[in-house]
Amino acid sequence: MFGIHSQSGYQGSLPGIRQKTLVWGEKTLMTEFILGKGSVLPLHSHPHEQTGYLVEGHLTLTVGEEAREIFPGDSWSIPGDVGHSARVHSNSKAIEIFSPVRTEYIPLEKNSYLP
């Protein structure tokens, strides 16, 4: 599967946070998150391992008991079932990969993808 760049396909997940699934396979799914300055991702967990990379912006990411300031070029890996949260200090863009695939993130319309 190939992901084709498009400005459409973003979904609002929380106030100030939009996401778009870019591509997925049998075992992984890649998502782009657009995070507005001042937005907050509340503490949560899920069974999926989550690996991310900050493309632009600045945020504080808390994983378990550890909080870190994250800047462009920084990356992270969050084990499944570990609580995590984020505070967004400036408009940011992050790319994250989930394993196993988060089926709830698979778009209903595949118009921006090639099989």
N, C-alpha and C. Protein backbone atom coordinates (compact mmCIF):
# COMPACT_ATOMS: atom_id res chain seq x y z
N MET A 1 0.85 -1.18 0.00
CA MET A 1 0.00 0.00 0.00
C MET A 1 0.89 1.24 0.00
N PHE A 2 0.48 2.24 -0.74
CA PHE A 2 1.17 3.52 -0.78
C PHE A 2 0.24 4.59 -0.25
N GLY A 3 0.77 5.52 0.53
CA GLY A 3 0.01 6.68 0.96
C GLY A 3 0.30 7.83 0.02
N ILE A 4 -0.73 8.47 -0.46
CA ILE A 4 -0.59 9.60 -1.38
C ILE A 4 -0.85 10.89 -0.60
N HIS A 5 0.09 11.83 -0.67
CA HIS A 5 -0.06 13.08 0.07
C HIS A 5 -1.35 13.80 -0.29
N SER A 6 -2.04 14.25 0.74
CA SER A 6 -3.29 14.97 0.55
C SER A 6 -3.53 15.87 1.76
N GLN A 7 -4.14 17.01 1.54
CA GLN A 7 -4.50 17.90 2.64
C GLN A 7 -5.80 17.47 3.31
N SER A 8 -6.50 16.50 2.74
CA SER A 8 -7.77 16.05 3.30
C SER A 8 -7.55 14.79 4.14
N GLY A 9 -8.60 14.37 4.81
CA GLY A 9 -8.58 13.13 5.56
C GLY A 9 -8.28 13.27 7.03
N TYR A 10 -8.13 14.51 7.52
CA TYR A 10 -7.86 14.71 8.94
C TYR A 10 -9.16 14.59 9.74
N GLN A 11 -9.03 14.00 10.92
CA GLN A 11 -10.16 13.86 11.84
C GLN A 11 -9.80 14.57 13.14
N GLY A 12 -10.76 15.29 13.72
CA GLY A 12 -10.55 15.88 15.02
C GLY A 12 -10.72 14.83 16.09
N SER A 13 -9.69 14.65 16.92
CA SER A 13 -9.79 13.63 17.97
C SER A 13 -10.04 14.26 19.33
N LEU A 14 -9.43 15.42 19.58
CA LEU A 14 -9.61 16.19 20.82
C LEU A 14 -9.50 17.66 20.44
N PRO A 15 -9.94 18.56 21.31
CA PRO A 15 -9.80 19.99 20.98
C PRO A 15 -8.34 20.34 20.66
N GLY A 16 -8.12 20.92 19.50
CA GLY A 16 -6.80 21.34 19.06
C GLY A 16 -5.93 20.24 18.50
N ILE A 17 -6.47 19.02 18.39
CA ILE A 17 -5.69 17.88 17.90
C ILE A 17 -6.43 17.23 16.73
N ARG A 18 -5.71 17.12 15.59
CA ARG A 18 -6.26 16.43 14.41
C ARG A 18 -5.31 15.30 14.05
N GLN A 19 -5.86 14.27 13.47
CA GLN A 19 -5.03 13.14 13.07
C GLN A 19 -5.47 12.61 11.71
N LYS A 20 -4.52 11.99 11.04
CA LYS A 20 -4.81 11.36 9.75
C LYS A 20 -3.96 10.11 9.64
N THR A 21 -4.61 9.00 9.36
CA THR A 21 -3.88 7.76 9.11
C THR A 21 -3.24 7.88 7.73
N LEU A 22 -1.94 7.66 7.68
CA LEU A 22 -1.20 7.80 6.42
C LEU A 22 -1.17 6.50 5.64
N VAL A 23 -0.88 5.41 6.32
CA VAL A 23 -0.77 4.10 5.66
C VAL A 23 -0.78 3.04 6.75
N TRP A 24 -1.17 1.82 6.38
CA TRP A 24 -1.16 0.72 7.33
C TRP A 24 -0.90 -0.58 6.60
N GLY A 25 -0.47 -1.55 7.38
CA GLY A 25 -0.22 -2.89 6.86
C GLY A 25 -0.81 -3.91 7.81
N GLU A 26 -0.29 -5.11 7.75
CA GLU A 26 -0.81 -6.18 8.59
C GLU A 26 -0.48 -5.98 10.07
N LYS A 27 0.71 -5.39 10.37
CA LYS A 27 1.16 -5.30 11.76
C LYS A 27 1.39 -3.88 12.27
N THR A 28 1.42 -2.89 11.40
CA THR A 28 1.66 -1.52 11.84
C THR A 28 0.73 -0.54 11.13
N LEU A 29 0.57 0.63 11.75
CA LEU A 29 -0.24 1.71 11.18
C LEU A 29 0.49 3.02 11.49
N MET A 30 0.60 3.90 10.50
CA MET A 30 1.29 5.18 10.67
C MET A 30 0.28 6.33 10.59
N THR A 31 0.39 7.24 11.56
CA THR A 31 -0.55 8.35 11.67
C THR A 31 0.19 9.66 11.82
N GLU A 32 -0.35 10.72 11.21
CA GLU A 32 0.16 12.07 11.39
C GLU A 32 -0.76 12.80 12.35
N PHE A 33 -0.18 13.45 13.35
CA PHE A 33 -0.95 14.24 14.30
C PHE A 33 -0.57 15.71 14.15
N ILE A 34 -1.57 16.57 14.05
CA ILE A 34 -1.39 18.02 14.04
C ILE A 34 -1.91 18.51 15.40
N LEU A 35 -1.01 19.10 16.18
CA LEU A 35 -1.33 19.48 17.56
C LEU A 35 -1.24 20.99 17.71
N GLY A 36 -2.34 21.62 18.05
CA GLY A 36 -2.37 23.07 18.21
C GLY A 36 -1.77 23.51 19.53
N LYS A 37 -1.12 24.67 19.50
CA LYS A 37 -0.53 25.25 20.71
C LYS A 37 -1.58 25.30 21.81
N GLY A 38 -1.20 24.85 23.01
CA GLY A 38 -2.09 24.87 24.16
C GLY A 38 -2.97 23.64 24.31
N SER A 39 -2.98 22.76 23.31
CA SER A 39 -3.82 21.57 23.42
C SER A 39 -3.17 20.57 24.39
N VAL A 40 -4.02 19.69 24.91
CA VAL A 40 -3.58 18.71 25.89
C VAL A 40 -4.10 17.34 25.48
N LEU A 41 -3.22 16.37 25.48
CA LEU A 41 -3.61 14.98 25.30
C LEU A 41 -3.67 14.39 26.71
N PRO A 42 -4.86 14.11 27.22
CA PRO A 42 -4.97 13.65 28.61
C PRO A 42 -4.35 12.27 28.81
N LEU A 43 -4.05 11.96 30.04
CA LEU A 43 -3.48 10.67 30.40
C LEU A 43 -4.39 9.55 29.90
N HIS A 44 -3.79 8.59 29.20
CA HIS A 44 -4.53 7.44 28.68
C HIS A 44 -3.55 6.31 28.40
N SER A 45 -4.07 5.15 28.12
CA SER A 45 -3.24 4.02 27.71
C SER A 45 -4.05 3.17 26.75
N HIS A 46 -3.36 2.32 26.03
CA HIS A 46 -3.97 1.38 25.10
C HIS A 46 -3.00 0.22 24.92
N PRO A 47 -3.47 -0.90 24.40
CA PRO A 47 -2.58 -2.06 24.28
C PRO A 47 -1.52 -1.94 23.18
N HIS A 48 -1.61 -0.92 22.36
CA HIS A 48 -0.70 -0.78 21.21
C HIS A 48 0.63 -0.16 21.62
N GLU A 49 1.73 -0.71 21.10
CA GLU A 49 3.02 -0.05 21.21
C GLU A 49 2.96 1.16 20.28
N GLN A 50 3.54 2.28 20.71
CA GLN A 50 3.45 3.53 19.96
C GLN A 50 4.84 4.14 19.85
N THR A 51 5.31 4.35 18.63
CA THR A 51 6.62 4.93 18.37
C THR A 51 6.41 6.22 17.59
N GLY A 52 7.05 7.31 18.03
CA GLY A 52 6.80 8.59 17.39
C GLY A 52 8.03 9.41 17.11
N TYR A 53 7.83 10.44 16.28
CA TYR A 53 8.88 11.36 15.85
C TYR A 53 8.26 12.75 15.73
N LEU A 54 8.86 13.76 16.35
CA LEU A 54 8.34 15.12 16.25
C LEU A 54 8.95 15.81 15.03
N VAL A 55 8.10 16.15 14.07
CA VAL A 55 8.54 16.80 12.84
C VAL A 55 8.75 18.30 13.08
N GLU A 56 7.81 18.92 13.79
CA GLU A 56 7.93 20.35 14.10
C GLU A 56 7.18 20.65 15.38
N GLY A 57 7.59 21.73 16.06
CA GLY A 57 6.91 22.17 17.26
C GLY A 57 7.67 21.88 18.54
N HIS A 58 6.91 21.87 19.65
CA HIS A 58 7.49 21.66 20.99
C HIS A 58 6.38 21.15 21.89
N LEU A 59 6.65 20.07 22.60
CA LEU A 59 5.67 19.54 23.54
C LEU A 59 6.37 18.90 24.72
N THR A 60 5.61 18.67 25.78
CA THR A 60 6.08 17.87 26.90
C THR A 60 5.32 16.57 26.86
N LEU A 61 6.05 15.47 26.78
CA LEU A 61 5.46 14.14 26.72
C LEU A 61 5.76 13.43 28.03
N THR A 62 4.72 12.90 28.65
CA THR A 62 4.89 12.11 29.87
C THR A 62 4.55 10.66 29.55
N VAL A 63 5.48 9.78 29.85
CA VAL A 63 5.30 8.34 29.65
C VAL A 63 5.56 7.68 31.00
N GLY A 64 4.52 7.05 31.54
CA GLY A 64 4.65 6.51 32.88
C GLY A 64 4.89 7.65 33.85
N GLU A 65 5.98 7.60 34.58
CA GLU A 65 6.33 8.63 35.56
C GLU A 65 7.33 9.65 35.01
N GLU A 66 7.79 9.47 33.77
CA GLU A 66 8.84 10.31 33.22
C GLU A 66 8.29 11.34 32.22
N ALA A 67 8.61 12.61 32.45
CA ALA A 67 8.21 13.70 31.54
C ALA A 67 9.46 14.23 30.84
N ARG A 68 9.31 14.49 29.54
CA ARG A 68 10.43 15.03 28.74
C ARG A 68 9.93 16.12 27.82
N GLU A 69 10.76 17.15 27.66
CA GLU A 69 10.51 18.18 26.65
C GLU A 69 10.93 17.58 25.32
N ILE A 70 10.05 17.69 24.32
CA ILE A 70 10.31 17.10 23.00
C ILE A 70 10.39 18.22 21.97
N PHE A 71 11.43 18.18 21.14
CA PHE A 71 11.68 19.17 20.11
C PHE A 71 11.82 18.47 18.76
N PRO A 72 11.76 19.21 17.64
CA PRO A 72 11.88 18.58 16.33
C PRO A 72 13.12 17.69 16.24
N GLY A 73 12.91 16.49 15.69
CA GLY A 73 13.97 15.52 15.56
C GLY A 73 14.01 14.51 16.70
N ASP A 74 13.31 14.80 17.81
CA ASP A 74 13.26 13.86 18.93
C ASP A 74 12.25 12.77 18.63
N SER A 75 12.45 11.61 19.24
CA SER A 75 11.55 10.48 19.03
C SER A 75 11.30 9.77 20.36
N TRP A 76 10.33 8.86 20.35
CA TRP A 76 9.93 8.16 21.57
C TRP A 76 9.32 6.81 21.22
N SER A 77 9.28 5.95 22.21
CA SER A 77 8.61 4.67 22.10
C SER A 77 7.85 4.43 23.40
N ILE A 78 6.57 4.15 23.27
CA ILE A 78 5.71 3.95 24.44
C ILE A 78 5.23 2.50 24.41
N PRO A 79 5.58 1.72 25.42
CA PRO A 79 5.10 0.33 25.45
C PRO A 79 3.57 0.29 25.58
N GLY A 80 2.98 -0.80 25.12
CA GLY A 80 1.54 -0.97 25.27
C GLY A 80 1.14 -0.97 26.74
N ASP A 81 -0.05 -0.46 27.01
CA ASP A 81 -0.65 -0.43 28.35
C ASP A 81 0.09 0.47 29.34
N VAL A 82 0.92 1.39 28.87
CA VAL A 82 1.59 2.35 29.74
C VAL A 82 0.90 3.70 29.58
N GLY A 83 0.53 4.33 30.69
CA GLY A 83 -0.12 5.63 30.65
C GLY A 83 0.79 6.69 30.07
N HIS A 84 0.22 7.57 29.24
CA HIS A 84 0.99 8.66 28.65
C HIS A 84 0.07 9.85 28.38
N SER A 85 0.68 11.04 28.34
CA SER A 85 -0.05 12.28 28.10
C SER A 85 0.91 13.28 27.46
N ALA A 86 0.34 14.40 26.95
CA ALA A 86 1.19 15.43 26.33
C ALA A 86 0.57 16.81 26.52
N ARG A 87 1.44 17.80 26.66
CA ARG A 87 1.06 19.22 26.65
C ARG A 87 1.79 19.86 25.48
N VAL A 88 1.05 20.61 24.66
CA VAL A 88 1.61 21.16 23.42
C VAL A 88 1.95 22.63 23.64
N HIS A 89 3.24 22.98 23.51
CA HIS A 89 3.71 24.34 23.78
C HIS A 89 3.71 25.23 22.54
N SER A 90 3.79 24.64 21.37
CA SER A 90 3.69 25.41 20.12
C SER A 90 3.07 24.49 19.07
N ASN A 91 2.52 25.08 18.02
CA ASN A 91 1.92 24.26 16.97
C ASN A 91 2.92 23.18 16.56
N SER A 92 2.45 21.94 16.51
CA SER A 92 3.35 20.80 16.33
C SER A 92 2.80 19.80 15.33
N LYS A 93 3.71 19.01 14.79
CA LYS A 93 3.35 17.89 13.91
C LYS A 93 4.17 16.68 14.32
N ALA A 94 3.49 15.56 14.55
CA ALA A 94 4.17 14.33 14.94
C ALA A 94 3.72 13.19 14.04
N ILE A 95 4.63 12.26 13.78
CA ILE A 95 4.32 11.04 13.06
C ILE A 95 4.45 9.90 14.07
N GLU A 96 3.41 9.04 14.13
CA GLU A 96 3.45 7.94 15.08
C GLU A 96 3.06 6.64 14.40
N ILE A 97 3.70 5.57 14.84
CA ILE A 97 3.43 4.23 14.34
C ILE A 97 2.89 3.39 15.49
N PHE A 98 1.83 2.65 15.21
CA PHE A 98 1.19 1.80 16.22
C PHE A 98 1.29 0.34 15.79
N SER A 99 1.54 -0.51 16.79
CA SER A 99 1.54 -1.95 16.55
C SER A 99 0.96 -2.64 17.79
N PRO A 100 -0.01 -3.52 17.61
CA PRO A 100 -0.63 -3.89 16.35
C PRO A 100 -1.44 -2.73 15.78
N VAL A 101 -1.98 -2.94 14.60
CA VAL A 101 -2.77 -1.91 13.91
C VAL A 101 -3.94 -1.47 14.79
N ARG A 102 -4.13 -0.18 14.89
CA ARG A 102 -5.31 0.37 15.57
C ARG A 102 -6.44 0.39 14.54
N THR A 103 -7.27 -0.62 14.56
CA THR A 103 -8.31 -0.74 13.54
C THR A 103 -9.27 0.44 13.54
N GLU A 104 -9.46 1.09 14.69
CA GLU A 104 -10.34 2.25 14.74
C GLU A 104 -9.75 3.45 14.00
N TYR A 105 -8.47 3.42 13.66
CA TYR A 105 -7.82 4.49 12.91
C TYR A 105 -7.85 4.26 11.40
N ILE A 106 -8.28 3.10 10.94
CA ILE A 106 -8.32 2.84 9.50
C ILE A 106 -9.48 3.63 8.90
N PRO A 107 -9.19 4.48 7.91
CA PRO A 107 -10.25 5.31 7.32
C PRO A 107 -11.33 4.46 6.64
N LEU A 108 -12.55 4.95 6.72
CA LEU A 108 -13.65 4.27 6.05
C LEU A 108 -13.54 4.43 4.55
N GLU A 109 -13.02 5.61 4.12
CA GLU A 109 -12.82 5.86 2.69
C GLU A 109 -11.34 5.72 2.39
N LYS A 110 -11.01 5.01 1.35
CA LYS A 110 -9.62 4.81 0.98
C LYS A 110 -9.23 5.68 -0.22
N ASN A 111 -9.91 6.81 -0.41
CA ASN A 111 -9.67 7.61 -1.62
C ASN A 111 -8.27 8.21 -1.70
N SER A 112 -7.53 8.28 -0.60
CA SER A 112 -6.18 8.84 -0.68
C SER A 112 -5.12 7.75 -0.65
N TYR A 113 -5.52 6.50 -0.84
CA TYR A 113 -4.59 5.39 -0.78
C TYR A 113 -4.68 4.56 -2.06
N LEU A 114 -3.59 3.91 -2.37
CA LEU A 114 -3.56 2.95 -3.47
C LEU A 114 -3.46 1.56 -2.87
N PRO A 115 -4.25 0.60 -3.30
CA PRO A 115 -4.16 -0.76 -2.75
C PRO A 115 -2.84 -1.42 -3.13
